[in-house]
Amino acid sequence: MRHLIDILDLSTEEIDELVSTASDIIANPKKYSEKCHGKKLATLFFEPSTRTRLSFEAAMLELGGNVLGFSEASSSSASKGESVSDTTRVVGCYADIIAMRHPKEGAPMVASLKSSVPIINAGDGGHNHPTQTLTDLLTIHREKGRFHDLTIGLCGDLKFGRTVHSLILALSRYQNIRFVLISPDELKLPDYLIQDTLVKNNISFVETTDLQEYLPELDILYMTRVQQERFFNEADYIRLKDSYVLTREKLADAKEDLSILHPLPRVNEISVDVDDDPRACYFKQAANGKYIRMALIMKLLEVE
C-alpha cells in the first residue's frame, strides 16, 4: 500500500506516467468512467477548500466511485478532541482511500502511519501540497510539452506557500531548470529549501523583489496570494498583501508564449484584465486538477 504525502514520494518516471494517464483521460473520458466502481473516497478536510476538495470528489465520481467525508474540522469528531490517527483509523473502515487537508504540518504523515488505506496529502499547513504540484506539472506539460529547459518565476508568498515548496522539489529533478524567486524580503523562500534543494543540487536561481525586471526572461510565471491565514500579525498581512499585482499592461514585455499559473484562489494579485490573455492558464490549471487526481486515485488503488 502506498501513500502520497510528499511530491518526492513519486519518482520522475511515475510523474511522467501520471501525466500520461491524465492526458489520456482528457482525450478518452468514457474509457475511465467505471474504473473505480464500488470504491469510496473519503475527503477529510480540517481546513477550508474549494478546488482541491471538489476536484477530488469530482475525480472519484467520474471514475464511477463514491465519496464521503467532511469539509471543516468543526463538523468532525476533531472538535471533541479526537486525534488525527484515530479519525483516520475509523474512516479507513468505511472508505478505500482518503484525501486529507490539515492546517498542521505533518498531520497527513501521522495519519498514514496508522491508516489501513492509502492517504493523499491534500495540503498540510505551509509545508506541502503534492496534488497541486501534480496539477501544476500536468498544466506545464500540456502548455510547454516538457519539464526541462525552463525559466520559472515564482512570485508572492514563497515563505508559507506550500504549492511553491512542492513545485520546487518536483522541478529540481529535471534538467536545465532556472528559478526566479520573487517576493518581499519578509516572505522569501525558506532557507532550508534554498540550501537543501537548490544549492545542494546546483539549481540555478535568483532572489529578487522586482517582478518587472525578470518578467521578459520567464517561460512560466507562477503567481501566489499572500495567505492571511498563515499570518500571526494582521498589520503585517495588510502591509504585504498587495506586494505584486499582475496586470495586462505589465505583461507587455513578457514572452508571447509565457504561461501564467496560479493555484487559486486569487485575491488581488492577478487583475481580471489578464483573464482573457491567451497566456493565462490558471482556469485550465484548475480543470487539470480533476484529471491528474483521477490518475492518482487509480494508481494508489492499483486500478489498471
Protein backbone atom coordinates (compact mmCIF):
# COMPACT_ATOMS: atom_id res chain seq x y z
CA MET A 1 0.00 0.00 0.00
CA ARG A 2 1.28 3.44 -0.95
CA HIS A 3 0.54 6.94 0.30
CA LEU A 4 1.27 10.32 -1.27
CA ILE A 5 2.50 12.65 1.47
CA ASP A 6 5.30 14.49 -0.34
CA ILE A 7 5.84 15.02 -4.06
CA LEU A 8 9.21 13.27 -3.64
CA ASP A 9 7.29 10.09 -2.84
CA LEU A 10 6.90 9.86 -6.62
CA SER A 11 9.81 9.26 -8.98
CA THR A 12 10.08 11.35 -12.13
CA GLU A 13 9.10 8.24 -14.08
CA GLU A 14 5.93 7.92 -12.01
CA ILE A 15 5.14 11.60 -12.51
CA ASP A 16 5.53 11.13 -16.27
CA GLU A 17 3.24 8.10 -16.05
CA LEU A 18 0.56 10.06 -14.15
CA VAL A 19 0.76 12.94 -16.63
CA SER A 20 0.40 10.47 -19.49
CA THR A 21 -2.63 8.81 -17.86
CA ALA A 22 -4.27 12.17 -17.13
CA SER A 23 -3.74 13.23 -20.75
CA ASP A 24 -5.41 10.02 -21.89
CA ILE A 25 -8.33 10.65 -19.53
CA ILE A 26 -8.79 14.08 -21.11
CA ALA A 27 -8.77 12.52 -24.57
CA ASN A 28 -10.87 9.44 -23.72
CA PRO A 29 -13.04 10.12 -20.65
CA LYS A 30 -15.57 7.35 -21.30
CA LYS A 31 -12.82 4.74 -21.08
CA TYR A 32 -12.37 5.59 -17.38
CA SER A 33 -15.99 6.07 -16.30
CA GLU A 34 -16.22 2.79 -14.34
CA LYS A 35 -12.60 2.27 -13.29
CA CYS A 36 -13.38 2.77 -9.59
CA HIS A 37 -16.88 1.34 -9.50
CA GLY A 38 -17.65 0.20 -5.95
CA LYS A 39 -14.75 2.20 -4.44
CA LYS A 40 -15.16 5.04 -1.93
CA LEU A 41 -13.04 8.15 -1.40
CA ALA A 42 -13.17 9.95 1.96
CA THR A 43 -12.30 13.65 1.93
CA LEU A 44 -11.16 14.71 5.41
CA PHE A 45 -10.74 18.47 5.21
CA PHE A 46 -9.84 20.04 8.55
CA GLU A 47 -9.22 23.35 6.70
CA PRO A 48 -11.39 25.17 4.13
CA SER A 49 -11.01 24.29 0.46
CA THR A 50 -12.94 24.69 -2.77
CA ARG A 51 -10.89 23.46 -5.73
CA THR A 52 -8.95 20.69 -4.00
CA ARG A 53 -11.90 19.10 -2.21
CA LEU A 54 -14.34 19.38 -5.11
CA SER A 55 -11.79 18.21 -7.68
CA PHE A 56 -11.07 15.12 -5.57
CA GLU A 57 -14.78 14.41 -5.29
CA ALA A 58 -15.38 15.05 -8.99
CA ALA A 59 -12.41 12.81 -9.84
CA MET A 60 -13.80 9.87 -7.88
CA LEU A 61 -17.33 10.36 -9.20
CA GLU A 62 -16.09 10.45 -12.80
CA LEU A 63 -14.24 7.20 -12.15
CA GLY A 64 -17.56 5.61 -11.13
CA GLY A 65 -16.80 5.65 -7.40
CA ASN A 66 -18.45 7.33 -4.43
CA VAL A 67 -17.39 9.98 -1.91
CA LEU A 68 -17.95 10.73 1.75
CA GLY A 69 -16.31 12.97 4.32
CA PHE A 70 -16.39 16.43 5.88
CA SER A 71 -15.31 19.91 4.83
CA GLU A 72 -14.36 21.50 8.15
CA ALA A 73 -12.95 20.32 11.46
CA SER A 74 -15.96 21.59 13.42
CA SER A 75 -18.19 19.02 11.72
CA SER A 76 -15.94 16.12 12.73
CA SER A 77 -15.00 14.47 16.00
CA ALA A 78 -11.81 16.54 15.97
CA SER A 79 -13.97 19.19 17.63
CA LYS A 80 -14.31 16.73 20.54
CA GLY A 81 -10.58 16.17 20.75
CA GLU A 82 -10.21 13.04 18.61
CA SER A 83 -6.70 12.57 17.23
CA VAL A 84 -5.89 12.54 13.52
CA SER A 85 -4.70 8.95 13.88
CA ASP A 86 -7.96 7.78 15.44
CA THR A 87 -10.07 9.63 12.87
CA THR A 88 -8.07 8.01 10.08
CA ARG A 89 -8.34 4.52 11.52
CA VAL A 90 -12.11 4.86 11.86
CA VAL A 91 -12.64 6.34 8.38
CA GLY A 92 -10.47 3.58 6.92
CA CYS A 93 -13.25 1.19 7.96
CA TYR A 94 -15.65 3.00 5.62
CA ALA A 95 -13.53 4.12 2.65
CA ASP A 96 -10.92 2.68 0.29
CA ILE A 97 -8.76 5.82 0.05
CA ILE A 98 -8.50 9.11 1.98
CA ALA A 99 -7.64 12.64 0.89
CA MET A 100 -6.70 14.79 3.90
CA ARG A 101 -6.13 18.52 4.30
CA HIS A 102 -4.95 19.79 7.67
CA PRO A 103 -3.61 23.11 8.99
CA LYS A 104 -0.79 21.37 10.90
CA GLU A 105 2.37 20.39 9.05
CA GLY A 106 2.90 16.64 9.15
CA ALA A 107 -0.67 15.65 10.03
CA PRO A 108 -1.19 13.51 6.88
CA MET A 109 2.13 11.78 7.58
CA VAL A 110 0.96 10.95 11.11
CA ALA A 111 -2.32 9.67 9.65
CA SER A 112 -0.50 7.44 7.17
CA LEU A 113 1.38 5.65 9.95
CA LYS A 114 -1.86 4.18 11.31
CA SER A 115 -4.04 4.06 8.21
CA SER A 116 -5.30 0.83 6.67
CA VAL A 117 -5.97 2.61 3.34
CA PRO A 118 -3.90 4.97 1.13
CA ILE A 119 -3.60 8.55 2.37
CA ILE A 120 -3.25 11.50 -0.01
CA ASN A 121 -1.91 14.73 1.44
CA ALA A 122 -4.27 17.43 0.14
CA GLY A 123 -2.26 20.17 1.86
CA ASP A 124 -0.68 20.37 5.30
CA GLY A 125 -0.22 23.88 6.65
CA GLY A 126 2.56 25.79 4.92
CA HIS A 127 4.50 22.62 4.21
CA ASN A 128 3.41 20.60 1.20
CA HIS A 129 0.68 20.18 -1.40
CA PRO A 130 1.71 17.33 -3.72
CA THR A 131 -1.54 17.00 -5.70
CA GLN A 132 -1.49 20.71 -6.53
CA THR A 133 2.04 20.14 -7.77
CA LEU A 134 0.85 17.29 -9.97
CA THR A 135 -1.83 19.67 -11.28
CA ASP A 136 0.85 22.28 -11.98
CA LEU A 137 3.05 19.73 -13.72
CA LEU A 138 0.22 18.49 -15.93
CA THR A 139 -0.53 22.10 -16.88
CA ILE A 140 3.13 22.86 -17.63
CA HIS A 141 3.42 19.73 -19.76
CA ARG A 142 0.25 20.50 -21.72
CA GLU A 143 1.39 24.08 -22.31
CA LYS A 144 5.12 23.54 -22.90
CA GLY A 145 5.41 19.86 -23.78
CA ARG A 146 8.33 19.36 -21.39
CA PHE A 147 9.64 19.71 -17.83
CA HIS A 148 13.21 20.68 -18.78
CA ASP A 149 14.88 23.83 -20.16
CA LEU A 150 12.52 26.23 -18.42
CA THR A 151 12.89 29.53 -16.55
CA ILE A 152 10.20 29.66 -13.89
CA GLY A 153 9.24 32.74 -11.91
CA LEU A 154 7.63 32.09 -8.53
CA CYS A 155 6.00 35.26 -7.22
CA GLY A 156 4.34 36.27 -3.97
CA ASP A 157 4.30 34.32 -0.72
CA LEU A 158 7.26 31.96 -1.03
CA LYS A 159 7.66 31.54 2.73
CA PHE A 160 4.30 29.95 3.54
CA GLY A 161 3.33 28.89 0.00
CA ARG A 162 3.15 25.10 0.19
CA THR A 163 2.37 24.91 -3.53
CA VAL A 164 5.63 26.72 -4.28
CA HIS A 165 7.62 24.43 -1.97
CA SER A 166 6.29 21.27 -3.61
CA LEU A 167 6.77 22.62 -7.15
CA ILE A 168 10.41 23.49 -6.48
CA LEU A 169 11.05 19.99 -5.11
CA ALA A 170 9.44 18.42 -8.17
CA LEU A 171 11.03 20.52 -10.91
CA SER A 172 14.50 20.47 -9.34
CA ARG A 173 14.84 16.88 -10.57
CA TYR A 174 14.63 17.91 -14.23
CA GLN A 175 17.39 19.25 -16.46
CA ASN A 176 18.27 22.92 -17.02
CA ILE A 177 15.67 24.44 -14.72
CA ARG A 178 16.16 28.02 -13.52
CA PHE A 179 14.07 29.64 -10.79
CA VAL A 180 13.43 33.35 -10.31
CA LEU A 181 12.20 33.78 -6.73
CA ILE A 182 10.17 37.00 -6.49
CA SER A 183 8.90 38.08 -3.07
CA PRO A 184 9.07 40.72 -0.36
CA ASP A 185 12.02 40.17 1.97
CA GLU A 186 9.62 39.03 4.71
CA LEU A 187 8.18 36.26 2.50
CA LYS A 188 11.33 34.82 0.96
CA LEU A 189 11.70 31.11 0.28
CA PRO A 190 12.73 29.26 3.47
CA ASP A 191 16.47 28.80 3.78
CA TYR A 192 16.19 25.00 4.13
CA LEU A 193 14.71 24.79 0.62
CA ILE A 194 17.39 27.04 -0.81
CA GLN A 195 20.23 25.11 0.81
CA ASP A 196 18.91 21.52 0.73
CA THR A 197 17.29 21.65 -2.71
CA LEU A 198 18.60 24.47 -4.88
CA VAL A 199 22.19 24.86 -3.70
CA LYS A 200 22.73 21.16 -2.99
CA ASN A 201 21.53 20.18 -6.47
CA ASN A 202 23.29 23.06 -8.22
CA ILE A 203 19.98 24.52 -9.46
CA SER A 204 20.24 27.99 -10.97
CA PHE A 205 18.19 30.60 -9.10
CA VAL A 206 17.98 34.28 -8.31
CA GLU A 207 16.15 36.02 -5.46
CA THR A 208 14.59 39.40 -6.17
CA THR A 209 11.84 41.78 -5.08
CA ASP A 210 11.32 43.05 -8.65
CA LEU A 211 8.88 41.13 -10.85
CA GLN A 212 9.07 43.53 -13.79
CA GLU A 213 12.84 43.25 -14.19
CA TYR A 214 12.78 39.48 -14.74
CA LEU A 215 9.41 39.09 -16.46
CA PRO A 216 10.84 39.11 -20.03
CA GLU A 217 13.03 36.07 -19.19
CA LEU A 218 10.26 33.81 -17.91
CA ASP A 219 8.72 30.78 -19.63
CA ILE A 220 6.34 30.29 -16.69
CA LEU A 221 5.09 32.80 -14.13
CA TYR A 222 3.60 31.14 -11.05
CA MET A 223 1.68 33.74 -9.04
CA THR A 224 0.57 33.12 -5.45
CA ARG A 225 -1.54 35.05 -3.00
CA VAL A 226 -0.28 36.33 0.34
CA GLN A 227 -2.09 33.98 2.71
CA GLN A 228 -3.88 35.78 5.52
CA GLU A 229 -4.45 32.53 7.40
CA ARG A 230 -0.68 31.97 7.82
CA PHE A 231 -0.04 35.34 9.49
CA PHE A 232 0.01 35.91 13.23
CA ASN A 233 0.06 39.68 12.79
CA GLU A 234 -2.80 41.35 10.92
CA ALA A 235 -0.77 44.50 10.30
CA ASP A 236 1.95 42.52 8.51
CA TYR A 237 -0.64 40.87 6.28
CA ILE A 238 -2.23 44.20 5.33
CA ARG A 239 1.20 45.69 4.58
CA LEU A 240 2.28 42.80 2.33
CA LYS A 241 -0.94 41.52 0.74
CA ASP A 242 -0.74 43.67 -2.41
CA SER A 243 3.02 43.45 -2.95
CA TYR A 244 2.53 42.19 -6.51
CA VAL A 245 -0.42 42.80 -8.80
CA LEU A 246 -0.13 41.41 -12.32
CA THR A 247 -1.99 43.45 -14.95
CA ARG A 248 -2.35 43.23 -18.73
CA GLU A 249 -0.20 46.34 -19.04
CA LYS A 250 2.67 44.77 -17.09
CA LEU A 251 2.71 41.80 -19.49
CA ALA A 252 3.76 44.00 -22.42
CA ASP A 253 7.40 42.91 -22.13
CA ALA A 254 6.69 39.23 -21.40
CA LYS A 255 7.20 36.41 -23.88
CA GLU A 256 4.33 35.70 -26.24
CA ASP A 257 4.32 32.07 -25.10
CA LEU A 258 4.56 32.82 -21.37
CA SER A 259 2.31 30.57 -19.28
CA ILE A 260 0.73 32.26 -16.24
CA LEU A 261 -0.21 29.84 -13.46
CA HIS A 262 -1.87 30.36 -10.08
CA PRO A 263 -3.04 27.64 -7.64
CA LEU A 264 -6.07 29.82 -6.75
CA PRO A 265 -7.89 31.31 -5.00
CA ARG A 266 -6.61 34.67 -6.14
CA VAL A 267 -7.33 37.89 -4.26
CA ASN A 268 -5.73 40.93 -5.93
CA GLU A 269 -2.51 39.50 -7.32
CA ILE A 270 -3.83 38.90 -10.86
CA SER A 271 -6.10 41.55 -12.33
CA VAL A 272 -9.21 40.29 -14.09
CA ASP A 273 -7.99 42.05 -17.24
CA VAL A 274 -5.41 39.26 -17.56
CA ASP A 275 -8.09 36.53 -17.73
CA ASP A 276 -8.67 36.93 -21.47
CA ASP A 277 -4.97 36.97 -22.30
CA PRO A 278 -4.06 33.70 -24.10
CA ARG A 279 -1.12 33.35 -21.71
CA ALA A 280 -3.44 32.97 -18.70
CA CYS A 281 -3.59 29.28 -17.78
CA TYR A 282 -4.95 29.28 -14.22
CA PHE A 283 -8.50 28.23 -15.03
CA LYS A 284 -7.21 25.46 -17.31
CA GLN A 285 -4.94 24.57 -14.41
CA ALA A 286 -7.95 24.21 -12.10
CA ALA A 287 -9.63 21.89 -14.62
CA ASN A 288 -6.46 19.83 -14.91
CA GLY A 289 -6.61 19.16 -11.18
CA LYS A 290 -9.53 16.77 -11.65
CA TYR A 291 -7.79 14.72 -14.33
CA ILE A 292 -4.48 14.30 -12.52
CA ARG A 293 -6.31 13.31 -9.33
CA MET A 294 -8.24 10.69 -11.30
CA ALA A 295 -4.91 9.28 -12.46
CA LEU A 296 -3.50 9.36 -8.91
CA ILE A 297 -6.54 7.67 -7.33
CA MET A 298 -6.28 4.85 -9.85
CA LYS A 299 -2.56 4.46 -9.22
CA LEU A 300 -2.88 4.28 -5.42
CA LEU A 301 -5.85 1.90 -5.66
CA GLU A 302 -3.83 -0.19 -8.15
CA VAL A 303 -6.53 0.09 -10.78
CA GLU A 304 -5.25 -0.80 -14.24
